[in-house]
PDB file of N, CA and C in Angstrom:
ATOM      1  N   MET A   1       0.854  -1.163   0.000  1.00  0.00           N
ATOM      2  CA  MET A   1       0.000   0.000   0.000  1.00  0.00           C
ATOM      3  C   MET A   1       0.905   1.233   0.000  1.00  0.00           C
ATOM      4  N   VAL A   2       0.472   2.233  -0.729  1.00  0.00           N
ATOM      5  CA  VAL A   2       1.226   3.480  -0.788  1.00  0.00           C
ATOM      6  C   VAL A   2       0.397   4.555  -0.099  1.00  0.00           C
ATOM      7  N   ILE A   3       1.038   5.243   0.823  1.00  0.00           N
ATOM      8  CA  ILE A   3       0.376   6.338   1.528  1.00  0.00           C
ATOM      9  C   ILE A   3       1.148   7.608   1.216  1.00  0.00           C
ATOM     10  N   ARG A   4       0.445   8.597   0.717  1.00  0.00           N
ATOM     11  CA  ARG A   4       1.080   9.877   0.410  1.00  0.00           C
ATOM     12  C   ARG A   4       0.874  10.819   1.580  1.00  0.00           C
ATOM     13  N   LEU A   5       1.955  11.400   2.014  1.00  0.00           N
ATOM     14  CA  LEU A   5       1.907  12.346   3.120  1.00  0.00           C
ATOM     15  C   LEU A   5       2.228  13.737   2.608  1.00  0.00           C
ATOM     16  N   SER A   6       1.668  14.726   3.258  1.00  0.00           N
ATOM     17  CA  SER A   6       2.013  16.105   2.901  1.00  0.00           C
ATOM     18  C   SER A   6       3.480  16.323   3.269  1.00  0.00           C
ATOM     19  N   PRO A   7       4.140  17.273   2.636  1.00  0.00           N
ATOM     20  CA  PRO A   7       5.551  17.514   2.942  1.00  0.00           C
ATOM     21  C   PRO A   7       5.802  17.810   4.424  1.00  0.00           C
ATOM     22  N   THR A   8       4.896  18.521   5.054  1.00  0.00           N
ATOM     23  CA  THR A   8       5.059  18.835   6.476  1.00  0.00           C
ATOM     24  C   THR A   8       4.994  17.577   7.325  1.00  0.00           C
ATOM     25  N   ILE A   9       4.009  16.730   7.072  1.00  0.00           N
ATOM     26  CA  ILE A   9       3.865  15.480   7.833  1.00  0.00           C
ATOM     27  C   ILE A   9       5.049  14.567   7.534  1.00  0.00           C
ATOM     28  N   GLN A  10       5.478  14.534   6.299  1.00  0.00           N
ATOM     29  CA  GLN A  10       6.608  13.682   5.923  1.00  0.00           C
ATOM     30  C   GLN A  10       7.862  14.086   6.695  1.00  0.00           C
ATOM     31  N   LYS A  11       8.102  15.383   6.848  1.00  0.00           N
ATOM     32  CA  LYS A  11       9.260  15.848   7.615  1.00  0.00           C
ATOM     33  C   LYS A  11       9.141  15.433   9.074  1.00  0.00           C
ATOM     34  N   ARG A  12       7.925  15.556   9.631  1.00  0.00           N
ATOM     35  CA  ARG A  12       7.711  15.167  11.033  1.00  0.00           C
ATOM     36  C   ARG A  12       7.941  13.675  11.235  1.00  0.00           C
ATOM     37  N   VAL A  13       7.445  12.873  10.277  1.00  0.00           N
ATOM     38  CA  VAL A  13       7.624  11.416  10.372  1.00  0.00           C
ATOM     39  C   VAL A  13       9.109  11.071  10.284  1.00  0.00           C
ATOM     40  N   THR A  14       9.807  11.697   9.358  1.00  0.00           N
ATOM     41  CA  THR A  14      11.234  11.434   9.194  1.00  0.00           C
ATOM     42  C   THR A  14      12.001  11.801  10.459  1.00  0.00           C
ATOM     43  N   ARG A  15      11.671  12.965  11.027  1.00  0.00           N
ATOM     44  CA  ARG A  15      12.333  13.406  12.249  1.00  0.00           C
ATOM     45  C   ARG A  15      12.053  12.446  13.413  1.00  0.00           C
ATOM     46  N   ALA A  16      10.780  12.052  13.571  1.00  0.00           N
ATOM     47  CA  ALA A  16      10.412  11.156  14.667  1.00  0.00           C
ATOM     48  C   ALA A  16      11.036   9.779  14.478  1.00  0.00           C
ATOM     49  N   ALA A  17      11.086   9.289  13.240  1.00  0.00           N
ATOM     50  CA  ALA A  17      11.696   7.980  12.975  1.00  0.00           C
ATOM     51  C   ALA A  17      13.184   8.009  13.274  1.00  0.00           C
ATOM     52  N   LYS A  18      13.837   9.096  12.897  1.00  0.00           N
ATOM     53  CA  LYS A  18      15.273   9.230  13.151  1.00  0.00           C
ATOM     54  C   LYS A  18      15.534   9.266  14.651  1.00  0.00           C
ATOM     55  N   ALA A  19      14.671   9.951  15.398  1.00  0.00           N
ATOM     56  CA  ALA A  19      14.821  10.039  16.847  1.00  0.00           C
ATOM     57  C   ALA A  19      14.675   8.669  17.503  1.00  0.00           C
ATOM     58  N   LYS A  20      13.809   7.805  16.932  1.00  0.00           N
ATOM     59  CA  LYS A  20      13.604   6.459  17.485  1.00  0.00           C
ATOM     60  C   LYS A  20      14.572   5.439  16.908  1.00  0.00           C
ATOM     61  N   GLY A  21      15.281   5.850  15.858  1.00  0.00           N
ATOM     62  CA  GLY A  21      16.256   4.948  15.251  1.00  0.00           C
ATOM     63  C   GLY A  21      15.629   3.880  14.367  1.00  0.00           C
ATOM     64  N   ILE A  22      14.473   4.183  13.750  1.00  0.00           N
ATOM     65  CA  ILE A  22      13.811   3.240  12.847  1.00  0.00           C
ATOM     66  C   ILE A  22      13.539   3.920  11.518  1.00  0.00           C
ATOM     67  N   GLU A  23      13.132   3.120  10.561  1.00  0.00           N
ATOM     68  CA  GLU A  23      12.782   3.648   9.249  1.00  0.00           C
ATOM     69  C   GLU A  23      11.444   4.397   9.332  1.00  0.00           C
ATOM     70  N   PRO A  24      11.267   5.447   8.522  1.00  0.00           N
ATOM     71  CA  PRO A  24       9.994   6.167   8.522  1.00  0.00           C
ATOM     72  C   PRO A  24       8.803   5.264   8.182  1.00  0.00           C
ATOM     73  N   SER A  25       8.989   4.318   7.260  1.00  0.00           N
ATOM     74  CA  SER A  25       7.882   3.423   6.902  1.00  0.00           C
ATOM     75  C   SER A  25       7.458   2.566   8.095  1.00  0.00           C
ATOM     76  N   GLN A  26       8.447   2.162   8.923  1.00  0.00           N
ATOM     77  CA  GLN A  26       8.136   1.366  10.115  1.00  0.00           C
ATOM     78  C   GLN A  26       7.357   2.199  11.133  1.00  0.00           C
ATOM     79  N   LEU A  27       7.725   3.471  11.262  1.00  0.00           N
ATOM     80  CA  LEU A  27       7.008   4.365  12.185  1.00  0.00           C
ATOM     81  C   LEU A  27       5.555   4.522  11.757  1.00  0.00           C
ATOM     82  N   VAL A  28       5.333   4.723  10.465  1.00  0.00           N
ATOM     83  CA  VAL A  28       3.970   4.886   9.951  1.00  0.00           C
ATOM     84  C   VAL A  28       3.187   3.595  10.154  1.00  0.00           C
ATOM     85  N   GLU A  29       3.807   2.459   9.880  1.00  0.00           N
ATOM     86  CA  GLU A  29       3.136   1.170  10.054  1.00  0.00           C
ATOM     87  C   GLU A  29       2.748   0.947  11.512  1.00  0.00           C
ATOM     88  N   ASP A  30       3.680   1.245  12.418  1.00  0.00           N
ATOM     89  CA  ASP A  30       3.379   1.092  13.848  1.00  0.00           C
ATOM     90  C   ASP A  30       2.245   2.015  14.288  1.00  0.00           C
ATOM     91  N   ALA A  31       2.255   3.244  13.770  1.00  0.00           N
ATOM     92  CA  ALA A  31       1.204   4.194  14.130  1.00  0.00           C
ATOM     93  C   ALA A  31      -0.154   3.727  13.614  1.00  0.00           C
ATOM     94  N   LEU A  32      -0.179   3.197  12.386  1.00  0.00           N
ATOM     95  CA  LEU A  32      -1.445   2.691  11.837  1.00  0.00           C
ATOM     96  C   LEU A  32      -1.943   1.482  12.618  1.00  0.00           C
ATOM     97  N   LYS A  33      -1.044   0.585  12.974  1.00  0.00           N
ATOM     98  CA  LYS A  33      -1.451  -0.586  13.768  1.00  0.00           C
ATOM     99  C   LYS A  33      -2.037  -0.161  15.108  1.00  0.00           C
ATOM    100  N   GLU A  34      -1.385   0.795  15.749  1.00  0.00           N
ATOM    101  CA  GLU A  34      -1.888   1.292  17.034  1.00  0.00           C
ATOM    102  C   GLU A  34      -3.254   1.954  16.876  1.00  0.00           C
ATOM    103  N   PHE A  35      -3.400   2.744  15.826  1.00  0.00           N
ATOM    104  CA  PHE A  35      -4.668   3.424  15.572  1.00  0.00           C
ATOM    105  C   PHE A  35      -5.788   2.410  15.345  1.00  0.00           C
ATOM    106  N   LEU A  36      -5.536   1.418  14.519  1.00  0.00           N
ATOM    107  CA  LEU A  36      -6.564   0.422  14.216  1.00  0.00           C
ATOM    108  C   LEU A  36      -6.864  -0.462  15.418  1.00  0.00           C
ATOM    109  N   ARG A  37      -5.853  -0.748  16.229  1.00  0.00           N
ATOM    110  CA  ARG A  37      -6.069  -1.570  17.417  1.00  0.00           C
ATOM    111  C   ARG A  37      -6.966  -0.842  18.413  1.00  0.00           C
ATOM    112  N   THR A  38      -6.745   0.433  18.609  1.00  0.00           N
ATOM    113  CA  THR A  38      -7.559   1.170  19.579  1.00  0.00           C
ATOM    114  C   THR A  38      -8.981   1.360  19.081  1.00  0.00           C
ATOM    115  N   LYS A  39      -9.189   1.383  17.785  1.00  0.00           N
ATOM    116  CA  LYS A  39     -10.541   1.540  17.243  1.00  0.00           C
ATOM    117  C   LYS A  39     -11.371   0.280  17.462  1.00  0.00           C
ATOM    118  N   ARG A  40     -10.737  -0.887  17.517  1.00  0.00           N
ATOM    119  CA  ARG A  40     -11.480  -2.135  17.655  1.00  0.00           C
ATOM    120  C   ARG A  40     -11.780  -2.500  19.096  1.00  0.00           C
ATOM    121  N   GLU A  41     -11.147  -1.850  20.034  1.00  0.00           N
ATOM    122  CA  GLU A  41     -11.391  -2.173  21.430  1.00  0.00           C
ATOM    123  C   GLU A  41     -12.836  -1.844  21.785  1.00  0.00           C
ATOM    124  N   PRO A  42     -13.459  -2.678  22.588  1.00  0.00           N
ATOM    125  CA  PRO A  42     -14.863  -2.412  22.948  1.00  0.00           C
ATOM    126  C   PRO A  42     -14.982  -1.139  23.774  1.00  0.00           C
ATOM    127  N   ARG A  43     -16.158  -0.561  23.676  1.00  0.00           N
ATOM    128  CA  ARG A  43     -16.422   0.630  24.478  1.00  0.00           C
ATOM    129  C   ARG A  43     -16.401   0.259  25.952  1.00  0.00           C
ATOM    130  N   GLU A  44     -16.273   1.268  26.792  1.00  0.00           N
ATOM    131  CA  GLU A  44     -16.260   1.002  28.222  1.00  0.00           C
ATOM    132  C   GLU A  44     -17.574   0.344  28.649  1.00  0.00           C
ATOM    133  N   GLN A  45     -17.484  -0.451  29.672  1.00  0.00           N
ATOM    134  CA  GLN A  45     -18.644  -1.182  30.158  1.00  0.00           C
ATOM    135  C   GLN A  45     -19.661  -0.206  30.752  1.00  0.00           C
ATOM    136  N   VAL A  46     -20.934  -0.479  30.482  1.00  0.00           N
ATOM    137  CA  VAL A  46     -22.014   0.357  30.991  1.00  0.00           C
ATOM    138  C   VAL A  46     -22.760  -0.437  32.047  1.00  0.00           C
ATOM    139  N   SER A  47     -22.994   0.196  33.185  1.00  0.00           N
ATOM    140  CA  SER A  47     -23.686  -0.503  34.271  1.00  0.00           C
ATOM    141  C   SER A  47     -25.148  -0.744  33.888  1.00  0.00           C
ATOM    142  N   GLU A  48     -25.757  -1.688  34.565  1.00  0.00           N
ATOM    143  CA  GLU A  48     -27.164  -2.011  34.313  1.00  0.00           C
ATOM    144  C   GLU A  48     -28.057  -0.813  34.646  1.00  0.00           C
ATOM    145  N   ALA A  49     -27.725  -0.098  35.715  1.00  0.00           N
ATOM    146  CA  ALA A  49     -28.505   1.083  36.091  1.00  0.00           C
ATOM    147  C   ALA A  49     -28.429   2.137  34.995  1.00  0.00           C
ATOM    148  N   ARG A  50     -27.235   2.324  34.428  1.00  0.00           N
ATOM    149  CA  ARG A  50     -27.077   3.319  33.361  1.00  0.00           C
ATOM    150  C   ARG A  50     -27.842   2.896  32.112  1.00  0.00           C
ATOM    151  N   ARG A  51     -27.825   1.598  31.822  1.00  0.00           N
ATOM    152  CA  ARG A  51     -28.543   1.077  30.661  1.00  0.00           C
ATOM    153  C   ARG A  51     -30.053   1.303  30.824  1.00  0.00           C
ATOM    154  N   GLN A  52     -30.575   1.069  32.033  1.00  0.00           N
ATOM    155  CA  GLN A  52     -31.992   1.289  32.288  1.00  0.00           C
ATOM    156  C   GLN A  52     -32.342   2.776  32.180  1.00  0.00           C
ATOM    157  N   LEU A  53     -31.466   3.620  32.706  1.00  0.00           N
ATOM    158  CA  LEU A  53     -31.695   5.066  32.621  1.00  0.00           C
ATOM    159  C   LEU A  53     -31.710   5.525  31.170  1.00  0.00           C
ATOM    160  N   ASP A  54     -30.773   5.016  30.367  1.00  0.00           N
ATOM    161  CA  ASP A  54     -30.750   5.369  28.944  1.00  0.00           C
ATOM    162  C   ASP A  54     -32.034   4.941  28.248  1.00  0.00           C
ATOM    163  N   GLU A  55     -32.556   3.772  28.605  1.00  0.00           N
ATOM    164  CA  GLU A  55     -33.803   3.280  28.015  1.00  0.00           C
ATOM    165  C   GLU A  55     -34.976   4.184  28.392  1.00  0.00           C
ATOM    166  N   LEU A  56     -35.032   4.616  29.656  1.00  0.00           N
ATOM    167  CA  LEU A  56     -36.099   5.523  30.083  1.00  0.00           C
ATOM    168  C   LEU A  56     -35.993   6.875  29.379  1.00  0.00           C
ATOM    169  N   LEU A  57     -34.771   7.371  29.234  1.00  0.00           N
ATOM    170  CA  LEU A  57     -34.579   8.669  28.579  1.00  0.00           C
ATOM    171  C   LEU A  57     -34.948   8.620  27.103  1.00  0.00           C
ATOM    172  N   ARG A  58     -34.811   7.470  26.489  1.00  0.00           N
ATOM    173  CA  ARG A  58     -35.161   7.350  25.076  1.00  0.00           C
ATOM    174  C   ARG A  58     -36.655   7.599  24.859  1.00  0.00           C
ATOM    175  N   HIS A  59     -37.483   7.250  25.860  1.00  0.00           N
ATOM    176  CA  HIS A  59     -38.933   7.394  25.725  1.00  0.00           C
ATOM    177  C   HIS A  59     -39.474   8.612  26.468  1.00  0.00           C
ATOM    178  N   LYS A  60     -38.581   9.454  26.992  1.00  0.00           N
ATOM    179  CA  LYS A  60     -38.996  10.623  27.761  1.00  0.00           C
ATOM    180  C   LYS A  60     -39.700  11.625  26.853  1.00  0.00           C
ATOM    181  N   LYS A  61     -40.768  12.179  27.363  1.00  0.00           N
ATOM    182  CA  LYS A  61     -41.490  13.207  26.609  1.00  0.00           C
ATOM    183  C   LYS A  61     -40.744  14.523  26.699  1.00  0.00           C
ATOM    184  N   LYS A  62     -40.908  15.324  25.692  1.00  0.00           N
ATOM    185  CA  LYS A  62     -40.272  16.633  25.642  1.00  0.00           C
ATOM    186  C   LYS A  62     -40.837  17.508  26.750  1.00  0.00           C
ATOM    187  N   THR A  63     -39.964  18.223  27.442  1.00  0.00           N
ATOM    188  CA  THR A  63     -40.439  19.126  28.481  1.00  0.00           C
ATOM    189  C   THR A  63     -41.063  20.349  27.821  1.00  0.00           C
ATOM    190  N   VAL A  64     -42.070  20.882  28.487  1.00  0.00           N
ATOM    191  CA  VAL A  64     -42.831  21.987  27.921  1.00  0.00           C
ATOM    192  C   VAL A  64     -42.615  23.223  28.778  1.00  0.00           C
ATOM    193  N   ASP A  65     -42.422  24.338  28.128  1.00  0.00           N
ATOM    194  CA  ASP A  65     -42.328  25.611  28.825  1.00  0.00           C
ATOM    195  C   ASP A  65     -43.757  26.052  29.122  1.00  0.00           C
ATOM    196  N   PHE A  66     -44.182  25.885  30.382  1.00  0.00           N
ATOM    197  CA  PHE A  66     -45.567  26.130  30.766  1.00  0.00           C
ATOM    198  C   PHE A  66     -45.988  27.567  30.479  1.00  0.00           C
ATOM    199  N   GLU A  67     -45.154  28.532  30.827  1.00  0.00           N
ATOM    200  CA  GLU A  67     -45.520  29.929  30.618  1.00  0.00           C
ATOM    201  C   GLU A  67     -45.686  30.249  29.134  1.00  0.00           C
ATOM    202  N   ALA A  68     -44.830  29.697  28.303  1.00  0.00           N
ATOM    203  CA  ALA A  68     -44.949  29.929  26.857  1.00  0.00           C
ATOM    204  C   ALA A  68     -46.242  29.316  26.327  1.00  0.00           C
ATOM    205  N   GLU A  69     -46.601  28.128  26.830  1.00  0.00           N
ATOM    206  CA  GLU A  69     -47.839  27.477  26.403  1.00  0.00           C
ATOM    207  C   GLU A  69     -49.062  28.285  26.833  1.00  0.00           C
ATOM    208  N   VAL A  70     -49.027  28.841  28.047  1.00  0.00           N
ATOM    209  CA  VAL A  70     -50.140  29.683  28.523  1.00  0.00           C
ATOM    210  C   VAL A  70     -50.252  30.926  27.651  1.00  0.00           C
ATOM    211  N   HIS A  71     -49.133  31.543  27.346  1.00  0.00           N
ATOM    212  CA  HIS A  71     -49.132  32.731  26.502  1.00  0.00           C
ATOM    213  C   HIS A  71     -49.717  32.401  25.126  1.00  0.00           C
ATOM    214  N   GLN A  72     -49.321  31.272  24.572  1.00  0.00           N
ATOM    215  CA  GLN A  72     -49.837  30.846  23.261  1.00  0.00           C
ATOM    216  C   GLN A  72     -51.348  30.616  23.322  1.00  0.00           C
ATOM    217  N   ALA A  73     -51.824  29.992  24.405  1.00  0.00           N
ATOM    218  CA  ALA A  73     -53.257  29.738  24.546  1.00  0.00           C
ATOM    219  C   ALA A  73     -54.034  31.050  24.658  1.00  0.00           C
ATOM    220  N   LYS A  74     -53.491  32.022  25.395  1.00  0.00           N
ATOM    221  CA  LYS A  74     -54.160  33.318  25.512  1.00  0.00           C
ATOM    222  C   LYS A  74     -54.227  34.023  24.163  1.00  0.00           C
ATOM    223  N   ARG A  75     -53.143  33.955  23.395  1.00  0.00           N
ATOM    224  CA  ARG A  75     -53.154  34.569  22.061  1.00  0.00           C
ATOM    225  C   ARG A  75     -54.190  33.903  21.169  1.00  0.00           C
ATOM    226  N   SER A  76     -54.271  32.567  21.243  1.00  0.00           N
ATOM    227  CA  SER A  76     -55.254  31.837  20.429  1.00  0.00           C
ATOM    228  C   SER A  76     -56.669  32.202  20.840  1.00  0.00           C
ATOM    229  N   ALA A  77     -56.915  32.311  22.149  1.00  0.00           N
ATOM    230  CA  ALA A  77     -58.245  32.676  22.632  1.00  0.00           C
ATOM    231  C   ALA A  77     -58.602  34.095  22.194  1.00  0.00           C
ATOM    232  N   GLY A  78     -57.648  35.003  22.271  1.00  0.00           N
ATOM    233  CA  GLY A  78     -57.885  36.374  21.826  1.00  0.00           C
ATOM    234  C   GLY A  78     -58.181  36.432  20.340  1.00  0.00           C
ATOM    235  N   LYS A  79     -57.480  35.646  19.553  1.00  0.00           N
ATOM    236  CA  LYS A  79     -57.708  35.607  18.111  1.00  0.00           C
ATOM    237  C   LYS A  79     -59.102  35.052  17.811  1.00  0.00           C
ATOM    238  N   LEU A  80     -59.500  33.988  18.523  1.00  0.00           N
ATOM    239  CA  LEU A  80     -60.843  33.435  18.334  1.00  0.00           C
ATOM    240  C   LEU A  80     -61.905  34.473  18.690  1.00  0.00           C
ATOM    241  N   TYR A  81     -61.694  35.210  19.777  1.00  0.00           N
ATOM    242  CA  TYR A  81     -62.657  36.223  20.185  1.00  0.00           C
ATOM    243  C   TYR A  81     -62.764  37.318  19.129  1.00  0.00           C
ATOM    244  N   GLU A  82     -61.603  37.770  18.609  1.00  0.00           N
ATOM    245  CA  GLU A  82     -61.623  38.806  17.566  1.00  0.00           C
ATOM    246  C   GLU A  82     -62.346  38.319  16.313  1.00  0.00           C
ATOM    247  N   ASP A  83     -62.062  37.069  15.919  1.00  0.00           N
ATOM    248  CA  ASP A  83     -62.669  36.517  14.714  1.00  0.00           C
ATOM    249  C   ASP A  83     -64.176  36.351  14.852  1.00  0.00           C
ATOM    250  N   ASN A  84     -64.654  36.145  16.082  1.00  0.00           N
ATOM    251  CA  ASN A  84     -66.075  35.869  16.293  1.00  0.00           C
ATOM    252  C   ASN A  84     -66.785  36.978  17.068  1.00  0.00           C
ATOM    253  N   ALA A  85     -66.176  38.143  17.175  1.00  0.00           N
ATOM    254  CA  ALA A  85     -66.735  39.229  17.982  1.00  0.00           C
ATOM    255  C   ALA A  85     -68.120  39.647  17.493  1.00  0.00           C
ATOM    256  N   ASP A  86     -68.319  39.751  16.189  1.00  0.00           N
ATOM    257  CA  ASP A  86     -69.633  40.152  15.654  1.00  0.00           C
ATOM    258  C   ASP A  86     -70.706  39.149  16.049  1.00  0.00           C
ATOM    259  N   TRP A  87     -70.418  37.873  15.905  1.00  0.00           N
ATOM    260  CA  TRP A  87     -71.388  36.831  16.234  1.00  0.00           C
ATOM    261  C   TRP A  87     -71.693  36.857  17.732  1.00  0.00           C
ATOM    262  N   ILE A  88     -70.641  37.033  18.566  1.00  0.00           N
ATOM    263  CA  ILE A  88     -70.831  37.050  20.022  1.00  0.00           C
ATOM    264  C   ILE A  88     -71.718  38.233  20.424  1.00  0.00           C
ATOM    265  N   GLU A  89     -71.491  39.396  19.853  1.00  0.00           N
ATOM    266  CA  GLU A  89     -72.310  40.572  20.169  1.00  0.00           C
ATOM    267  C   GLU A  89     -73.754  40.373  19.723  1.00  0.00           C
ATOM    268  N   ARG A  90     -73.969  39.792  18.538  1.00  0.00           N
ATOM    269  CA  ARG A  90     -75.329  39.577  18.031  1.00  0.00           C
ATOM    270  C   ARG A  90     -76.083  38.597  18.922  1.00  0.00           C
ATOM    271  N   VAL A  91     -75.434  37.511  19.292  1.00  0.00           N
ATOM    272  CA  VAL A  91     -76.092  36.515  20.144  1.00  0.00           C
ATOM    273  C   VAL A  91     -76.380  37.108  21.520  1.00  0.00           C
ATOM    274  N   ALA A  92     -75.467  37.899  22.042  1.00  0.00           N
ATOM    275  CA  ALA A  92     -75.678  38.514  23.357  1.00  0.00           C
ATOM    276  C   ALA A  92     -76.847  39.504  23.310  1.00  0.00           C
ATOM    277  N   ALA A  93     -76.989  40.213  22.199  1.00  0.00           N
ATOM    278  CA  ALA A  93     -78.059  41.213  22.085  1.00  0.00           C
ATOM    279  C   ALA A  93     -79.402  40.583  21.741  1.00  0.00           C
ATOM    280  N   GLU A  94     -79.405  39.650  20.784  1.00  0.00           N
ATOM    281  CA  GLU A  94     -80.663  39.084  20.296  1.00  0.00           C
ATOM    282  C   GLU A  94     -81.083  37.817  21.015  1.00  0.00           C
ATOM    283  N   GLY A  95     -80.132  37.123  21.574  1.00  0.00           N
ATOM    284  CA  GLY A  95     -80.450  35.845  22.176  1.00  0.00           C
ATOM    285  C   GLY A  95     -80.309  34.735  21.168  1.00  0.00           C
ATOM    286  N   THR A  96     -80.621  33.538  21.602  1.00  0.00           N
ATOM    287  CA  THR A  96     -80.539  32.388  20.704  1.00  0.00           C
ATOM    288  C   THR A  96     -81.896  31.754  20.615  1.00  0.00           C
ATOM    289  N   GLU A  97     -81.970  30.699  19.864  1.00  0.00           N
ATOM    290  CA  GLU A  97     -83.257  30.000  19.729  1.00  0.00           C
ATOM    291  C   GLU A  97     -83.680  29.339  21.030  1.00  0.00           C
ATOM    292  N   HIS A  98     -82.750  29.231  21.981  1.00  0.00           N
ATOM    293  CA  HIS A  98     -83.047  28.597  23.254  1.00  0.00           C
ATOM    294  C   HIS A  98     -83.459  29.603  24.334  1.00  0.00           C
ATOM    295  N   GLY A  99     -83.393  30.840  24.032  1.00  0.00           N
ATOM    296  CA  GLY A  99     -83.806  31.827  25.019  1.00  0.00           C
ATOM    297  C   GLY A  99     -83.140  33.151  24.791  1.00  0.00           C
ATOM    298  N   LYS A 100     -83.682  34.163  25.435  1.00  0.00           N
ATOM    299  CA  LYS A 100     -83.170  35.517  25.264  1.00  0.00           C
ATOM    300  C   LYS A 100     -81.920  35.710  26.111  1.00  0.00           C
ATOM    301  N   GLY A 101     -80.908  36.335  25.537  1.00  0.00           N
ATOM    302  CA  GLY A 101     -79.743  36.741  26.301  1.00  0.00           C
ATOM    303  C   GLY A 101     -78.768  35.644  26.630  1.00  0.00           C
ATOM    304  N   ALA A 102     -78.906  34.458  26.345  1.00  0.00           N
ATOM    305  CA  ALA A 102     -78.012  33.307  26.458  1.00  0.00           C
ATOM    306  C   ALA A 102     -76.946  33.398  27.554  1.00  0.00           C
ATOM    307  N   GLY A 103     -77.000  34.354  28.429  1.00  0.00           N
ATOM    308  CA  GLY A 103     -76.076  34.413  29.550  1.00  0.00           C
ATOM    309  C   GLY A 103     -74.702  34.972  29.220  1.00  0.00           C
ATOM    310  N   LEU A 104     -74.495  35.538  28.059  1.00  0.00           N
ATOM    311  CA  LEU A 104     -73.179  36.099  27.736  1.00  0.00           C
ATOM    312  C   LEU A 104     -73.056  37.486  28.205  1.00  0.00           C
TER     313      LEU A 104
END
């Protein structure tokens, strides 16, 4: 396999190999072996309690900002009132088929 290194990395590899007294290709090979070996090692062990907590968190509902939800509900109620203000005034003045003044 041929690996191309940038000139800067190549100088660093050459310097480090010379300091260790080995060939640059051997240094690169050793570094790759170490890198690949550490990638295959299993992840750290997870306790049963942590595993159960992770499972519960996976199904956790999103937290709601109560004040923001109240504000949104008030805006929606105000919008409904504005949209239906004419009808509300007419029913309050004329009454409904069930009686006069409908209690509004």
